[in-house]
Amino acid sequence: MGKVLEKLQLDSTPINTKGYETLLKLVENTSRDSFDLNYGLFMYNVNAIEQLERMDFAFESLKKKLFGSLHGVLRKKLFENSEKLKALQEKSVKQNGALSSPRETVKIR
């Protein structure tokens, strides 16, 4: 995991949390390990493939949860904007005596 985090090129910030400090120490401690050591652990550890699959599953699970939440936020914004547009159209109709329904505002030829 340290090698993966090293690829992110994490830096210390003025607002580091204790957890982030621990993460930086993990990267520092593991970044000195050679690729040969990691390769050897991968080749000769019978659990290596399973661990990689579990890490991949964990990342995918987190991404699905994040994107699922994003979908909900975007959906809410779209419906809010739709309601605002409808209210503006109704207000315009009342003020200007314009067309009575939003469907009449678009003519299809």
PDB file of N, CA and C in Angstrom:
ATOM      1  N   MET A   1       0.822  -1.190   0.000  1.00  0.00           N
ATOM      2  CA  MET A   1       0.000   0.000   0.000  1.00  0.00           C
ATOM      3  C   MET A   1       0.869   1.257   0.000  1.00  0.00           C
ATOM      4  N   GLY A   2       1.996   1.169   0.675  1.00  0.00           N
ATOM      5  CA  GLY A   2       2.906   2.314   0.720  1.00  0.00           C
ATOM      6  C   GLY A   2       3.383   2.733  -0.652  1.00  0.00           C
ATOM      7  N   LYS A   3       3.648   1.754  -1.520  1.00  0.00           N
ATOM      8  CA  LYS A   3       4.099   2.064  -2.884  1.00  0.00           C
ATOM      9  C   LYS A   3       2.995   2.759  -3.685  1.00  0.00           C
ATOM     10  N   VAL A   4       1.769   2.362  -3.466  1.00  0.00           N
ATOM     11  CA  VAL A   4       0.640   3.013  -4.140  1.00  0.00           C
ATOM     12  C   VAL A   4       0.539   4.460  -3.670  1.00  0.00           C
ATOM     13  N   LEU A   5       0.619   4.671  -2.373  1.00  0.00           N
ATOM     14  CA  LEU A   5       0.547   6.025  -1.823  1.00  0.00           C
ATOM     15  C   LEU A   5       1.724   6.881  -2.290  1.00  0.00           C
ATOM     16  N   GLU A   6       2.879   6.257  -2.443  1.00  0.00           N
ATOM     17  CA  GLU A   6       4.053   6.989  -2.928  1.00  0.00           C
ATOM     18  C   GLU A   6       3.790   7.568  -4.319  1.00  0.00           C
ATOM     19  N   LYS A   7       3.068   6.828  -5.149  1.00  0.00           N
ATOM     20  CA  LYS A   7       2.748   7.292  -6.508  1.00  0.00           C
ATOM     21  C   LYS A   7       1.898   8.565  -6.487  1.00  0.00           C
ATOM     22  N   LEU A   8       1.198   8.800  -5.382  1.00  0.00           N
ATOM     23  CA  LEU A   8       0.364  10.003  -5.263  1.00  0.00           C
ATOM     24  C   LEU A   8       1.177  11.252  -4.941  1.00  0.00           C
ATOM     25  N   GLN A   9       2.441  11.078  -4.590  1.00  0.00           N
ATOM     26  CA  GLN A   9       3.339  12.189  -4.259  1.00  0.00           C
ATOM     27  C   GLN A   9       2.719  13.108  -3.203  1.00  0.00           C
ATOM     28  N   LEU A  10       2.317  12.512  -2.096  1.00  0.00           N
ATOM     29  CA  LEU A  10       1.702  13.259  -1.009  1.00  0.00           C
ATOM     30  C   LEU A  10       2.727  14.154  -0.330  1.00  0.00           C
ATOM     31  N   ASP A  11       2.312  15.354   0.040  1.00  0.00           N
ATOM     32  CA  ASP A  11       3.180  16.300   0.736  1.00  0.00           C
ATOM     33  C   ASP A  11       2.537  16.727   2.039  1.00  0.00           C
ATOM     34  N   SER A  12       3.386  17.169   2.951  1.00  0.00           N
ATOM     35  CA  SER A  12       2.896  17.721   4.206  1.00  0.00           C
ATOM     36  C   SER A  12       2.203  19.051   3.916  1.00  0.00           C
ATOM     37  N   THR A  13       1.179  19.363   4.699  1.00  0.00           N
ATOM     38  CA  THR A  13       0.449  20.622   4.536  1.00  0.00           C
ATOM     39  C   THR A  13       0.379  21.329   5.888  1.00  0.00           C
ATOM     40  N   PRO A  14       0.041  22.599   5.903  1.00  0.00           N
ATOM     41  CA  PRO A  14      -0.086  23.316   7.179  1.00  0.00           C
ATOM     42  C   PRO A  14      -1.226  22.781   8.053  1.00  0.00           C
ATOM     43  N   ILE A  15      -2.156  22.041   7.465  1.00  0.00           N
ATOM     44  CA  ILE A  15      -3.314  21.566   8.240  1.00  0.00           C
ATOM     45  C   ILE A  15      -3.362  20.040   8.327  1.00  0.00           C
ATOM     46  N   ASN A  16      -2.202  19.407   8.412  1.00  0.00           N
ATOM     47  CA  ASN A  16      -2.153  17.939   8.518  1.00  0.00           C
ATOM     48  C   ASN A  16      -2.951  17.448   9.722  1.00  0.00           C
ATOM     49  N   THR A  17      -3.736  16.418   9.505  1.00  0.00           N
ATOM     50  CA  THR A  17      -4.390  15.739  10.628  1.00  0.00           C
ATOM     51  C   THR A  17      -3.432  14.669  11.146  1.00  0.00           C
ATOM     52  N   LYS A  18      -3.733  14.110  12.304  1.00  0.00           N
ATOM     53  CA  LYS A  18      -2.889  13.039  12.841  1.00  0.00           C
ATOM     54  C   LYS A  18      -2.912  11.832  11.910  1.00  0.00           C
ATOM     55  N   GLY A  19      -4.077  11.550  11.338  1.00  0.00           N
ATOM     56  CA  GLY A  19      -4.187  10.442  10.393  1.00  0.00           C
ATOM     57  C   GLY A  19      -3.334  10.664   9.157  1.00  0.00           C
ATOM     58  N   TYR A  20      -3.316  11.898   8.653  1.00  0.00           N
ATOM     59  CA  TYR A  20      -2.518  12.218   7.473  1.00  0.00           C
ATOM     60  C   TYR A  20      -1.033  12.124   7.798  1.00  0.00           C
ATOM     61  N   GLU A  21      -0.651  12.564   8.996  1.00  0.00           N
ATOM     62  CA  GLU A  21       0.747  12.443   9.438  1.00  0.00           C
ATOM     63  C   GLU A  21       1.164  10.971   9.452  1.00  0.00           C
ATOM     64  N   THR A  22       0.282  10.107   9.956  1.00  0.00           N
ATOM     65  CA  THR A  22       0.561   8.668   9.989  1.00  0.00           C
ATOM     66  C   THR A  22       0.712   8.119   8.576  1.00  0.00           C
ATOM     67  N   LEU A  23      -0.132   8.593   7.672  1.00  0.00           N
ATOM     68  CA  LEU A  23      -0.063   8.177   6.275  1.00  0.00           C
ATOM     69  C   LEU A  23       1.272   8.584   5.653  1.00  0.00           C
ATOM     70  N   LEU A  24       1.704   9.816   5.921  1.00  0.00           N
ATOM     71  CA  LEU A  24       2.988  10.285   5.398  1.00  0.00           C
ATOM     72  C   LEU A  24       4.146   9.443   5.942  1.00  0.00           C
ATOM     73  N   LYS A  25       4.065   9.054   7.216  1.00  0.00           N
ATOM     74  CA  LYS A  25       5.109   8.207   7.808  1.00  0.00           C
ATOM     75  C   LYS A  25       5.117   6.829   7.151  1.00  0.00           C
ATOM     76  N   LEU A  26       3.943   6.308   6.848  1.00  0.00           N
ATOM     77  CA  LEU A  26       3.853   5.018   6.158  1.00  0.00           C
ATOM     78  C   LEU A  26       4.540   5.093   4.803  1.00  0.00           C
ATOM     79  N   VAL A  27       4.269   6.162   4.067  1.00  0.00           N
ATOM     80  CA  VAL A  27       4.891   6.340   2.755  1.00  0.00           C
ATOM     81  C   VAL A  27       6.403   6.443   2.915  1.00  0.00           C
ATOM     82  N   GLU A  28       6.840   7.235   3.888  1.00  0.00           N
ATOM     83  CA  GLU A  28       8.276   7.404   4.124  1.00  0.00           C
ATOM     84  C   GLU A  28       8.938   6.065   4.468  1.00  0.00           C
ATOM     85  N   ASN A  29       8.292   5.278   5.310  1.00  0.00           N
ATOM     86  CA  ASN A  29       8.866   3.997   5.730  1.00  0.00           C
ATOM     87  C   ASN A  29       8.893   2.962   4.615  1.00  0.00           C
ATOM     88  N   THR A  30       7.936   2.984   3.724  1.00  0.00           N
ATOM     89  CA  THR A  30       7.864   1.950   2.684  1.00  0.00           C
ATOM     90  C   THR A  30       8.491   2.378   1.362  1.00  0.00           C
ATOM     91  N   SER A  31       8.677   3.668   1.150  1.00  0.00           N
ATOM     92  CA  SER A  31       9.213   4.125  -0.136  1.00  0.00           C
ATOM     93  C   SER A  31      10.663   3.699  -0.327  1.00  0.00           C
ATOM     94  N   ARG A  32      11.356   3.423   0.756  1.00  0.00           N
ATOM     95  CA  ARG A  32      12.755   2.984   0.653  1.00  0.00           C
ATOM     96  C   ARG A  32      12.868   1.500   0.297  1.00  0.00           C
ATOM     97  N   ASP A  33      11.775   0.764   0.418  1.00  0.00           N
ATOM     98  CA  ASP A  33      11.802  -0.656   0.055  1.00  0.00           C
ATOM     99  C   ASP A  33      12.012  -0.779  -1.452  1.00  0.00           C
ATOM    100  N   SER A  34      12.850  -1.707  -1.844  1.00  0.00           N
ATOM    101  CA  SER A  34      13.148  -1.874  -3.268  1.00  0.00           C
ATOM    102  C   SER A  34      11.976  -2.539  -3.988  1.00  0.00           C
ATOM    103  N   PHE A  35      11.966  -2.342  -5.291  1.00  0.00           N
ATOM    104  CA  PHE A  35      10.955  -3.010  -6.106  1.00  0.00           C
ATOM    105  C   PHE A  35      11.140  -4.522  -6.018  1.00  0.00           C
ATOM    106  N   ASP A  36      12.395  -4.963  -5.948  1.00  0.00           N
ATOM    107  CA  ASP A  36      12.670  -6.404  -5.851  1.00  0.00           C
ATOM    108  C   ASP A  36      12.019  -7.008  -4.610  1.00  0.00           C
ATOM    109  N   LEU A  37      12.030  -6.276  -3.502  1.00  0.00           N
ATOM    110  CA  LEU A  37      11.379  -6.766  -2.290  1.00  0.00           C
ATOM    111  C   LEU A  37       9.876  -6.913  -2.532  1.00  0.00           C
ATOM    112  N   ASN A  38       9.269  -5.899  -3.123  1.00  0.00           N
ATOM    113  CA  ASN A  38       7.835  -5.962  -3.409  1.00  0.00           C
ATOM    114  C   ASN A  38       7.516  -7.074  -4.399  1.00  0.00           C
ATOM    115  N   TYR A  39       8.358  -7.219  -5.398  1.00  0.00           N
ATOM    116  CA  TYR A  39       8.150  -8.269  -6.392  1.00  0.00           C
ATOM    117  C   TYR A  39       8.268  -9.650  -5.749  1.00  0.00           C
ATOM    118  N   GLY A  40       9.256  -9.814  -4.885  1.00  0.00           N
ATOM    119  CA  GLY A  40       9.431 -11.083  -4.187  1.00  0.00           C
ATOM    120  C   GLY A  40       8.235 -11.410  -3.309  1.00  0.00           C
ATOM    121  N   LEU A  41       7.735 -10.408  -2.598  1.00  0.00           N
ATOM    122  CA  LEU A  41       6.545 -10.625  -1.766  1.00  0.00           C
ATOM    123  C   LEU A  41       5.351 -11.014  -2.630  1.00  0.00           C
ATOM    124  N   PHE A  42       5.248 -10.391  -3.781  1.00  0.00           N
ATOM    125  CA  PHE A  42       4.150 -10.701  -4.692  1.00  0.00           C
ATOM    126  C   PHE A  42       4.274 -12.125  -5.238  1.00  0.00           C
ATOM    127  N   MET A  43       5.471 -12.483  -5.654  1.00  0.00           N
ATOM    128  CA  MET A  43       5.680 -13.788  -6.294  1.00  0.00           C
ATOM    129  C   MET A  43       5.556 -14.960  -5.324  1.00  0.00           C
ATOM    130  N   TYR A  44       5.998 -14.773  -4.096  1.00  0.00           N
ATOM    131  CA  TYR A  44       6.102 -15.914  -3.191  1.00  0.00           C
ATOM    132  C   TYR A  44       5.102 -15.894  -2.040  1.00  0.00           C
ATOM    133  N   ASN A  45       4.252 -14.905  -1.997  1.00  0.00           N
ATOM    134  CA  ASN A  45       3.209 -14.866  -0.973  1.00  0.00           C
ATOM    135  C   ASN A  45       1.938 -15.438  -1.599  1.00  0.00           C
ATOM    136  N   VAL A  46       1.458 -16.542  -1.070  1.00  0.00           N
ATOM    137  CA  VAL A  46       0.288 -17.205  -1.654  1.00  0.00           C
ATOM    138  C   VAL A  46      -0.975 -16.347  -1.541  1.00  0.00           C
ATOM    139  N   ASN A  47      -0.959 -15.352  -0.683  1.00  0.00           N
ATOM    140  CA  ASN A  47      -2.131 -14.490  -0.493  1.00  0.00           C
ATOM    141  C   ASN A  47      -2.067 -13.199  -1.308  1.00  0.00           C
ATOM    142  N   ALA A  48      -0.988 -12.993  -2.059  1.00  0.00           N
ATOM    143  CA  ALA A  48      -0.777 -11.720  -2.750  1.00  0.00           C
ATOM    144  C   ALA A  48      -1.904 -11.388  -3.723  1.00  0.00           C
ATOM    145  N   ILE A  49      -2.292 -12.331  -4.554  1.00  0.00           N
ATOM    146  CA  ILE A  49      -3.345 -12.071  -5.543  1.00  0.00           C
ATOM    147  C   ILE A  49      -4.656 -11.742  -4.842  1.00  0.00           C
ATOM    148  N   GLU A  50      -4.980 -12.504  -3.821  1.00  0.00           N
ATOM    149  CA  GLU A  50      -6.215 -12.249  -3.074  1.00  0.00           C
ATOM    150  C   GLU A  50      -6.189 -10.852  -2.449  1.00  0.00           C
ATOM    151  N   GLN A  51      -5.052 -10.448  -1.899  1.00  0.00           N
ATOM    152  CA  GLN A  51      -4.948  -9.124  -1.280  1.00  0.00           C
ATOM    153  C   GLN A  51      -5.112  -8.021  -2.327  1.00  0.00           C
ATOM    154  N   LEU A  52      -4.489  -8.206  -3.491  1.00  0.00           N
ATOM    155  CA  LEU A  52      -4.644  -7.218  -4.564  1.00  0.00           C
ATOM    156  C   LEU A  52      -6.101  -7.121  -5.010  1.00  0.00           C
ATOM    157  N   GLU A  53      -6.761  -8.252  -5.116  1.00  0.00           N
ATOM    158  CA  GLU A  53      -8.174  -8.252  -5.500  1.00  0.00           C
ATOM    159  C   GLU A  53      -9.032  -7.572  -4.436  1.00  0.00           C
ATOM    160  N   ARG A  54      -8.705  -7.807  -3.172  1.00  0.00           N
ATOM    161  CA  ARG A  54      -9.457  -7.167  -2.087  1.00  0.00           C
ATOM    162  C   ARG A  54      -9.248  -5.651  -2.091  1.00  0.00           C
ATOM    163  N   MET A  55      -8.000  -5.210  -2.367  1.00  0.00           N
ATOM    164  CA  MET A  55      -7.739  -3.765  -2.456  1.00  0.00           C
ATOM    165  C   MET A  55      -8.511  -3.168  -3.626  1.00  0.00           C
ATOM    166  N   ASP A  56      -8.491  -3.866  -4.760  1.00  0.00           N
ATOM    167  CA  ASP A  56      -9.226  -3.396  -5.935  1.00  0.00           C
ATOM    168  C   ASP A  56     -10.718  -3.306  -5.627  1.00  0.00           C
ATOM    169  N   PHE A  57     -11.254  -4.326  -4.962  1.00  0.00           N
ATOM    170  CA  PHE A  57     -12.665  -4.325  -4.581  1.00  0.00           C
ATOM    171  C   PHE A  57     -12.975  -3.160  -3.643  1.00  0.00           C
ATOM    172  N   ALA A  58     -12.078  -2.904  -2.694  1.00  0.00           N
ATOM    173  CA  ALA A  58     -12.289  -1.807  -1.741  1.00  0.00           C
ATOM    174  C   ALA A  58     -12.323  -0.459  -2.462  1.00  0.00           C
ATOM    175  N   PHE A  59     -11.396  -0.246  -3.410  1.00  0.00           N
ATOM    176  CA  PHE A  59     -11.390   1.001  -4.175  1.00  0.00           C
ATOM    177  C   PHE A  59     -12.660   1.135  -5.011  1.00  0.00           C
ATOM    178  N   GLU A  60     -13.046   0.069  -5.686  1.00  0.00           N
ATOM    179  CA  GLU A  60     -14.257   0.104  -6.511  1.00  0.00           C
ATOM    180  C   GLU A  60     -15.496   0.370  -5.664  1.00  0.00           C
ATOM    181  N   SER A  61     -15.555  -0.237  -4.503  1.00  0.00           N
ATOM    182  CA  SER A  61     -16.685  -0.043  -3.599  1.00  0.00           C
ATOM    183  C   SER A  61     -16.775   1.412  -3.152  1.00  0.00           C
ATOM    184  N   LEU A  62     -15.640   1.990  -2.809  1.00  0.00           N
ATOM    185  CA  LEU A  62     -15.612   3.396  -2.395  1.00  0.00           C
ATOM    186  C   LEU A  62     -16.002   4.313  -3.551  1.00  0.00           C
ATOM    187  N   LYS A  63     -15.488   4.033  -4.750  1.00  0.00           N
ATOM    188  CA  LYS A  63     -15.837   4.854  -5.913  1.00  0.00           C
ATOM    189  C   LYS A  63     -17.336   4.792  -6.196  1.00  0.00           C
ATOM    190  N   LYS A  64     -17.918   3.599  -6.109  1.00  0.00           N
ATOM    191  CA  LYS A  64     -19.362   3.471  -6.341  1.00  0.00           C
ATOM    192  C   LYS A  64     -20.152   4.288  -5.330  1.00  0.00           C
ATOM    193  N   LYS A  65     -19.729   4.242  -4.084  1.00  0.00           N
ATOM    194  CA  LYS A  65     -20.423   4.993  -3.043  1.00  0.00           C
ATOM    195  C   LYS A  65     -20.301   6.499  -3.293  1.00  0.00           C
ATOM    196  N   LEU A  66     -19.094   6.953  -3.645  1.00  0.00           N
ATOM    197  CA  LEU A  66     -18.883   8.376  -3.916  1.00  0.00           C
ATOM    198  C   LEU A  66     -19.689   8.837  -5.128  1.00  0.00           C
ATOM    199  N   PHE A  67     -19.614   8.080  -6.230  1.00  0.00           N
ATOM    200  CA  PHE A  67     -20.356   8.461  -7.428  1.00  0.00           C
ATOM    201  C   PHE A  67     -21.861   8.335  -7.215  1.00  0.00           C
ATOM    202  N   GLY A  68     -22.276   7.380  -6.393  1.00  0.00           N
ATOM    203  CA  GLY A  68     -23.692   7.255  -6.057  1.00  0.00           C
ATOM    204  C   GLY A  68     -24.192   8.479  -5.321  1.00  0.00           C
ATOM    205  N   SER A  69     -23.382   8.977  -4.403  1.00  0.00           N
ATOM    206  CA  SER A  69     -23.746  10.195  -3.677  1.00  0.00           C
ATOM    207  C   SER A  69     -23.760  11.390  -4.615  1.00  0.00           C
ATOM    208  N   LEU A  70     -22.786  11.440  -5.515  1.00  0.00           N
ATOM    209  CA  LEU A  70     -22.727  12.531  -6.483  1.00  0.00           C
ATOM    210  C   LEU A  70     -23.973  12.528  -7.359  1.00  0.00           C
ATOM    211  N   HIS A  71     -24.402  11.345  -7.781  1.00  0.00           N
ATOM    212  CA  HIS A  71     -25.606  11.227  -8.601  1.00  0.00           C
ATOM    213  C   HIS A  71     -26.806  11.825  -7.869  1.00  0.00           C
ATOM    214  N   GLY A  72     -26.922  11.519  -6.582  1.00  0.00           N
ATOM    215  CA  GLY A  72     -28.030  12.057  -5.793  1.00  0.00           C
ATOM    216  C   GLY A  72     -27.995  13.570  -5.716  1.00  0.00           C
ATOM    217  N   VAL A  73     -26.811  14.133  -5.535  1.00  0.00           N
ATOM    218  CA  VAL A  73     -26.658  15.590  -5.449  1.00  0.00           C
ATOM    219  C   VAL A  73     -27.019  16.232  -6.783  1.00  0.00           C
ATOM    220  N   LEU A  74     -26.507  15.674  -7.878  1.00  0.00           N
ATOM    221  CA  LEU A  74     -26.803  16.232  -9.203  1.00  0.00           C
ATOM    222  C   LEU A  74     -28.285  16.119  -9.538  1.00  0.00           C
ATOM    223  N   ARG A  75     -28.872  14.989  -9.187  1.00  0.00           N
ATOM    224  CA  ARG A  75     -30.303  14.791  -9.440  1.00  0.00           C
ATOM    225  C   ARG A  75     -31.121  15.838  -8.688  1.00  0.00           C
ATOM    226  N   LYS A  76     -30.767  16.073  -7.436  1.00  0.00           N
ATOM    227  CA  LYS A  76     -31.468  17.066  -6.624  1.00  0.00           C
ATOM    228  C   LYS A  76     -31.345  18.452  -7.258  1.00  0.00           C
ATOM    229  N   LYS A  77     -30.130  18.806  -7.706  1.00  0.00           N
ATOM    230  CA  LYS A  77     -29.911  20.111  -8.335  1.00  0.00           C
ATOM    231  C   LYS A  77     -30.733  20.242  -9.614  1.00  0.00           C
ATOM    232  N   LEU A  78     -30.769  19.178 -10.419  1.00  0.00           N
ATOM    233  CA  LEU A  78     -31.537  19.226 -11.660  1.00  0.00           C
ATOM    234  C   LEU A  78     -33.012  19.464 -11.389  1.00  0.00           C
ATOM    235  N   PHE A  79     -33.557  18.749 -10.398  1.00  0.00           N
ATOM    236  CA  PHE A  79     -34.966  18.925 -10.083  1.00  0.00           C
ATOM    237  C   PHE A  79     -35.237  20.294  -9.473  1.00  0.00           C
ATOM    238  N   GLU A  80     -34.310  20.804  -8.661  1.00  0.00           N
ATOM    239  CA  GLU A  80     -34.468  22.151  -8.112  1.00  0.00           C
ATOM    240  C   GLU A  80     -34.497  23.166  -9.244  1.00  0.00           C
ATOM    241  N   ASN A  81     -33.563  23.019 -10.193  1.00  0.00           N
ATOM    242  CA  ASN A  81     -33.505  23.945 -11.322  1.00  0.00           C
ATOM    243  C   ASN A  81     -34.754  23.827 -12.186  1.00  0.00           C
ATOM    244  N   SER A  82     -35.258  22.621 -12.348  1.00  0.00           N
ATOM    245  CA  SER A  82     -36.472  22.404 -13.122  1.00  0.00           C
ATOM    246  C   SER A  82     -37.656  23.114 -12.474  1.00  0.00           C
ATOM    247  N   GLU A  83     -37.751  22.998 -11.155  1.00  0.00           N
ATOM    248  CA  GLU A  83     -38.839  23.663 -10.431  1.00  0.00           C
ATOM    249  C   GLU A  83     -38.704  25.178 -10.526  1.00  0.00           C
ATOM    250  N   LYS A  84     -37.478  25.695 -10.437  1.00  0.00           N
ATOM    251  CA  LYS A  84     -37.253  27.138 -10.550  1.00  0.00           C
ATOM    252  C   LYS A  84     -37.654  27.634 -11.938  1.00  0.00           C
ATOM    253  N   LEU A  85     -37.292  26.874 -12.980  1.00  0.00           N
ATOM    254  CA  LEU A  85     -37.644  27.249 -14.348  1.00  0.00           C
ATOM    255  C   LEU A  85     -39.155  27.274 -14.527  1.00  0.00           C
ATOM    256  N   LYS A  86     -39.819  26.267 -13.997  1.00  0.00           N
ATOM    257  CA  LYS A  86     -41.274  26.202 -14.094  1.00  0.00           C
ATOM    258  C   LYS A  86     -41.910  27.403 -13.395  1.00  0.00           C
ATOM    259  N   ALA A  87     -41.404  27.752 -12.214  1.00  0.00           N
ATOM    260  CA  ALA A  87     -41.937  28.899 -11.473  1.00  0.00           C
ATOM    261  C   ALA A  87     -41.711  30.195 -12.246  1.00  0.00           C
ATOM    262  N   LEU A  88     -40.539  30.347 -12.868  1.00  0.00           N
ATOM    263  CA  LEU A  88     -40.258  31.547 -13.658  1.00  0.00           C
ATOM    264  C   LEU A  88     -41.174  31.640 -14.872  1.00  0.00           C
ATOM    265  N   GLN A  89     -41.415  30.505 -15.516  1.00  0.00           N
ATOM    266  CA  GLN A  89     -42.311  30.504 -16.671  1.00  0.00           C
ATOM    267  C   GLN A  89     -43.724  30.893 -16.257  1.00  0.00           C
ATOM    268  N   GLU A  90     -44.188  30.355 -15.145  1.00  0.00           N
ATOM    269  CA  GLU A  90     -45.531  30.686 -14.667  1.00  0.00           C
ATOM    270  C   GLU A  90     -45.632  32.160 -14.295  1.00  0.00           C
ATOM    271  N   LYS A  91     -44.580  32.689 -13.684  1.00  0.00           N
ATOM    272  CA  LYS A  91     -44.564  34.108 -13.312  1.00  0.00           C
ATOM    273  C   LYS A  91     -44.604  34.979 -14.568  1.00  0.00           C
ATOM    274  N   SER A  92     -43.849  34.578 -15.593  1.00  0.00           N
ATOM    275  CA  SER A  92     -43.818  35.322 -16.844  1.00  0.00           C
ATOM    276  C   SER A  92     -45.187  35.321 -17.515  1.00  0.00           C
ATOM    277  N   VAL A  93     -45.860  34.193 -17.473  1.00  0.00           N
ATOM    278  CA  VAL A  93     -47.190  34.082 -18.062  1.00  0.00           C
ATOM    279  C   VAL A  93     -48.147  35.037 -17.362  1.00  0.00           C
ATOM    280  N   LYS A  94     -48.103  35.054 -16.050  1.00  0.00           N
ATOM    281  CA  LYS A  94     -49.010  35.915 -15.282  1.00  0.00           C
ATOM    282  C   LYS A  94     -48.724  37.386 -15.536  1.00  0.00           C
ATOM    283  N   GLN A  95     -47.451  37.754 -15.632  1.00  0.00           N
ATOM    284  CA  GLN A  95     -47.085  39.158 -15.796  1.00  0.00           C
ATOM    285  C   GLN A  95     -47.280  39.656 -17.222  1.00  0.00           C
ATOM    286  N   ASN A  96     -46.967  38.822 -18.195  1.00  0.00           N
ATOM    287  CA  ASN A  96     -46.954  39.277 -19.583  1.00  0.00           C
ATOM    288  C   ASN A  96     -48.126  38.776 -20.412  1.00  0.00           C
ATOM    289  N   GLY A  97     -48.970  37.976 -19.822  1.00  0.00           N
ATOM    290  CA  GLY A  97     -50.074  37.413 -20.588  1.00  0.00           C
ATOM    291  C   GLY A  97     -49.561  36.509 -21.690  1.00  0.00           C
ATOM    292  N   ALA A  98     -48.439  35.895 -21.451  1.00  0.00           N
ATOM    293  CA  ALA A  98     -47.824  35.027 -22.453  1.00  0.00           C
ATOM    294  C   ALA A  98     -48.596  33.723 -22.542  1.00  0.00           C
ATOM    295  N   LEU A  99     -48.047  32.789 -23.225  1.00  0.00           N
ATOM    296  CA  LEU A  99     -48.685  31.501 -23.430  1.00  0.00           C
ATOM    297  C   LEU A  99     -49.005  30.843 -22.100  1.00  0.00           C
ATOM    298  N   SER A 100     -50.064  30.060 -22.087  1.00  0.00           N
ATOM    299  CA  SER A 100     -50.553  29.529 -20.821  1.00  0.00           C
ATOM    300  C   SER A 100     -49.830  28.288 -20.327  1.00  0.00           C
ATOM    301  N   SER A 101     -49.080  27.605 -21.149  1.00  0.00           N
ATOM    302  CA  SER A 101     -48.363  26.430 -20.658  1.00  0.00           C
ATOM    303  C   SER A 101     -46.970  26.375 -21.273  1.00  0.00           C
ATOM    304  N   PRO A 102     -46.024  25.779 -20.564  1.00  0.00           N
ATOM    305  CA  PRO A 102     -44.659  25.704 -21.091  1.00  0.00           C
ATOM    306  C   PRO A 102     -44.571  24.958 -22.413  1.00  0.00           C
ATOM    307  N   ARG A 103     -45.485  24.026 -22.671  1.00  0.00           N
ATOM    308  CA  ARG A 103     -45.452  23.275 -23.928  1.00  0.00           C
ATOM    309  C   ARG A 103     -45.729  24.182 -25.117  1.00  0.00           C
ATOM    310  N   GLU A 104     -46.511  25.204 -24.888  1.00  0.00           N
ATOM    311  CA  GLU A 104     -46.846  26.105 -25.986  1.00  0.00           C
ATOM    312  C   GLU A 104     -45.690  27.031 -26.340  1.00  0.00           C
ATOM    313  N   THR A 105     -44.656  27.077 -25.497  1.00  0.00           N
ATOM    314  CA  THR A 105     -43.534  27.970 -25.774  1.00  0.00           C
ATOM    315  C   THR A 105     -42.634  27.432 -26.875  1.00  0.00           C
ATOM    316  N   VAL A 106     -42.755  26.156 -27.201  1.00  0.00           N
ATOM    317  CA  VAL A 106     -41.944  25.555 -28.255  1.00  0.00           C
ATOM    318  C   VAL A 106     -42.879  25.031 -29.332  1.00  0.00           C
ATOM    319  N   LYS A 107     -42.707  25.511 -30.538  1.00  0.00           N
ATOM    320  CA  LYS A 107     -43.530  25.046 -31.650  1.00  0.00           C
ATOM    321  C   LYS A 107     -42.689  24.120 -32.509  1.00  0.00           C
ATOM    322  N   ILE A 108     -43.213  22.943 -32.762  1.00  0.00           N
ATOM    323  CA  ILE A 108     -42.514  21.962 -33.589  1.00  0.00           C
ATOM    324  C   ILE A 108     -43.111  22.002 -34.982  1.00  0.00           C
ATOM    325  N   ARG A 109     -42.258  22.110 -35.972  1.00  0.00           N
ATOM    326  CA  ARG A 109     -42.730  22.183 -37.361  1.00  0.00           C
ATOM    327  C   ARG A 109     -42.535  20.880 -38.045  1.00  0.00           C
TER     328      ARG A 109
END
